[in-house]
Amino acid sequence: MRDSARIEAMLSLLRQVWERSPDLRLGQLLVSAVRPEQPCPEIFHIEDDRLAEGLRALLARLESADKSRS
């Protein structure tokens, strides 16, 4: 299992970078940081509100899975 302490460190670093480039969408920021060999237009061009919807849906699925294991 990965060390959960990395999450706070990554979020802190993300905040520092994003606050210096607030006009970037999160997808743009991540693709710019990773600099993949192949373009990632679905990630690069996704609007933050659509990404937030996807994150909320993922959270709901994770919570549902947790409940079914209980």
C-alpha atoms as a PDB file:
ATOM      1  CA  MET A   1       0.000   0.000   0.000  1.00  0.00           C
ATOM      2  CA  ARG A   2       1.245   3.468  -0.809  1.00  0.00           C
ATOM      3  CA  ASP A   3       2.057   5.954   1.914  1.00  0.00           C
ATOM      4  CA  SER A   4      -1.000   8.178   2.338  1.00  0.00           C
ATOM      5  CA  ALA A   5       1.233  11.045   3.547  1.00  0.00           C
ATOM      6  CA  ARG A   6       2.154  11.644  -0.101  1.00  0.00           C
ATOM      7  CA  ILE A   7      -1.360  12.956  -0.781  1.00  0.00           C
ATOM      8  CA  GLU A   8      -0.968  16.096   1.311  1.00  0.00           C
ATOM      9  CA  ALA A   9       2.463  16.763  -0.186  1.00  0.00           C
ATOM     10  CA  MET A  10       1.121  16.378  -3.734  1.00  0.00           C
ATOM     11  CA  LEU A  11      -1.905  18.581  -3.037  1.00  0.00           C
ATOM     12  CA  SER A  12       0.361  21.242  -1.547  1.00  0.00           C
ATOM     13  CA  LEU A  13       2.642  21.191  -4.583  1.00  0.00           C
ATOM     14  CA  LEU A  14      -0.353  21.244  -6.930  1.00  0.00           C
ATOM     15  CA  ARG A  15      -1.748  24.258  -5.075  1.00  0.00           C
ATOM     16  CA  GLN A  16       1.568  26.131  -5.355  1.00  0.00           C
ATOM     17  CA  VAL A  17       1.848  25.500  -9.091  1.00  0.00           C
ATOM     18  CA  TRP A  18      -1.827  26.174  -9.849  1.00  0.00           C
ATOM     19  CA  GLU A  19      -1.866  29.420  -7.874  1.00  0.00           C
ATOM     20  CA  ARG A  20       1.002  30.646 -10.082  1.00  0.00           C
ATOM     21  CA  SER A  21      -0.990  29.691 -13.205  1.00  0.00           C
ATOM     22  CA  PRO A  22      -4.638  30.198 -12.204  1.00  0.00           C
ATOM     23  CA  ASP A  23      -5.898  30.485 -15.787  1.00  0.00           C
ATOM     24  CA  LEU A  24      -4.976  26.870 -16.500  1.00  0.00           C
ATOM     25  CA  ARG A  25      -7.571  24.159 -16.125  1.00  0.00           C
ATOM     26  CA  LEU A  26      -6.497  21.237 -13.947  1.00  0.00           C
ATOM     27  CA  GLY A  27      -6.181  18.967 -16.972  1.00  0.00           C
ATOM     28  CA  GLN A  28      -3.936  21.491 -18.712  1.00  0.00           C
ATOM     29  CA  LEU A  29      -1.790  21.764 -15.619  1.00  0.00           C
ATOM     30  CA  LEU A  30      -1.380  17.995 -15.283  1.00  0.00           C
ATOM     31  CA  VAL A  31      -0.609  17.420 -18.956  1.00  0.00           C
ATOM     32  CA  SER A  32       1.885  20.294 -18.871  1.00  0.00           C
ATOM     33  CA  ALA A  33       3.595  18.750 -15.835  1.00  0.00           C
ATOM     34  CA  VAL A  34       3.696  15.207 -17.210  1.00  0.00           C
ATOM     35  CA  ARG A  35       4.597  16.211 -20.767  1.00  0.00           C
ATOM     36  CA  PRO A  36       3.433  12.881 -22.243  1.00  0.00           C
ATOM     37  CA  GLU A  37       4.861  11.615 -25.521  1.00  0.00           C
ATOM     38  CA  GLN A  38       1.340  11.180 -26.887  1.00  0.00           C
ATOM     39  CA  PRO A  39      -1.191  14.037 -26.737  1.00  0.00           C
ATOM     40  CA  CYS A  40      -3.986  13.729 -24.174  1.00  0.00           C
ATOM     41  CA  PRO A  41      -6.705  16.011 -25.569  1.00  0.00           C
ATOM     42  CA  GLU A  42      -9.479  14.515 -23.395  1.00  0.00           C
ATOM     43  CA  ILE A  43      -7.541  15.452 -20.289  1.00  0.00           C
ATOM     44  CA  PHE A  44      -5.996  18.693 -21.572  1.00  0.00           C
ATOM     45  CA  HIS A  45      -9.299  20.186 -22.754  1.00  0.00           C
ATOM     46  CA  ILE A  46     -11.670  19.001 -20.010  1.00  0.00           C
ATOM     47  CA  GLU A  47     -13.322  21.852 -18.149  1.00  0.00           C
ATOM     48  CA  ASP A  48     -12.860  21.861 -14.390  1.00  0.00           C
ATOM     49  CA  ASP A  49     -16.598  21.617 -13.731  1.00  0.00           C
ATOM     50  CA  ARG A  50     -16.860  18.473 -15.878  1.00  0.00           C
ATOM     51  CA  LEU A  51     -13.840  16.986 -14.132  1.00  0.00           C
ATOM     52  CA  ALA A  52     -15.443  17.797 -10.775  1.00  0.00           C
ATOM     53  CA  GLU A  53     -18.580  15.921 -11.884  1.00  0.00           C
ATOM     54  CA  GLY A  54     -16.442  12.908 -12.721  1.00  0.00           C
ATOM     55  CA  LEU A  55     -14.674  13.107  -9.369  1.00  0.00           C
ATOM     56  CA  ARG A  56     -18.008  13.292  -7.530  1.00  0.00           C
ATOM     57  CA  ALA A  57     -19.251  10.262  -9.476  1.00  0.00           C
ATOM     58  CA  LEU A  58     -16.065   8.347  -8.654  1.00  0.00           C
ATOM     59  CA  LEU A  59     -16.447   9.243  -4.983  1.00  0.00           C
ATOM     60  CA  ALA A  60     -20.033   7.968  -5.013  1.00  0.00           C
ATOM     61  CA  ARG A  61     -18.897   4.661  -6.551  1.00  0.00           C
ATOM     62  CA  LEU A  62     -16.112   4.312  -3.974  1.00  0.00           C
ATOM     63  CA  GLU A  63     -18.500   5.049  -1.110  1.00  0.00           C
ATOM     64  CA  SER A  64     -20.978   2.537  -2.506  1.00  0.00           C
ATOM     65  CA  ALA A  65     -18.248  -0.104  -2.753  1.00  0.00           C
ATOM     66  CA  ASP A  66     -17.250   0.606   0.854  1.00  0.00           C
ATOM     67  CA  LYS A  67     -20.849   0.129   2.007  1.00  0.00           C
ATOM     68  CA  SER A  68     -21.224  -3.145   0.130  1.00  0.00           C
ATOM     69  CA  ARG A  69     -18.096  -4.500   1.837  1.00  0.00           C
ATOM     70  CA  SER A  70     -19.488  -3.631   5.288  1.00  0.00           C
END
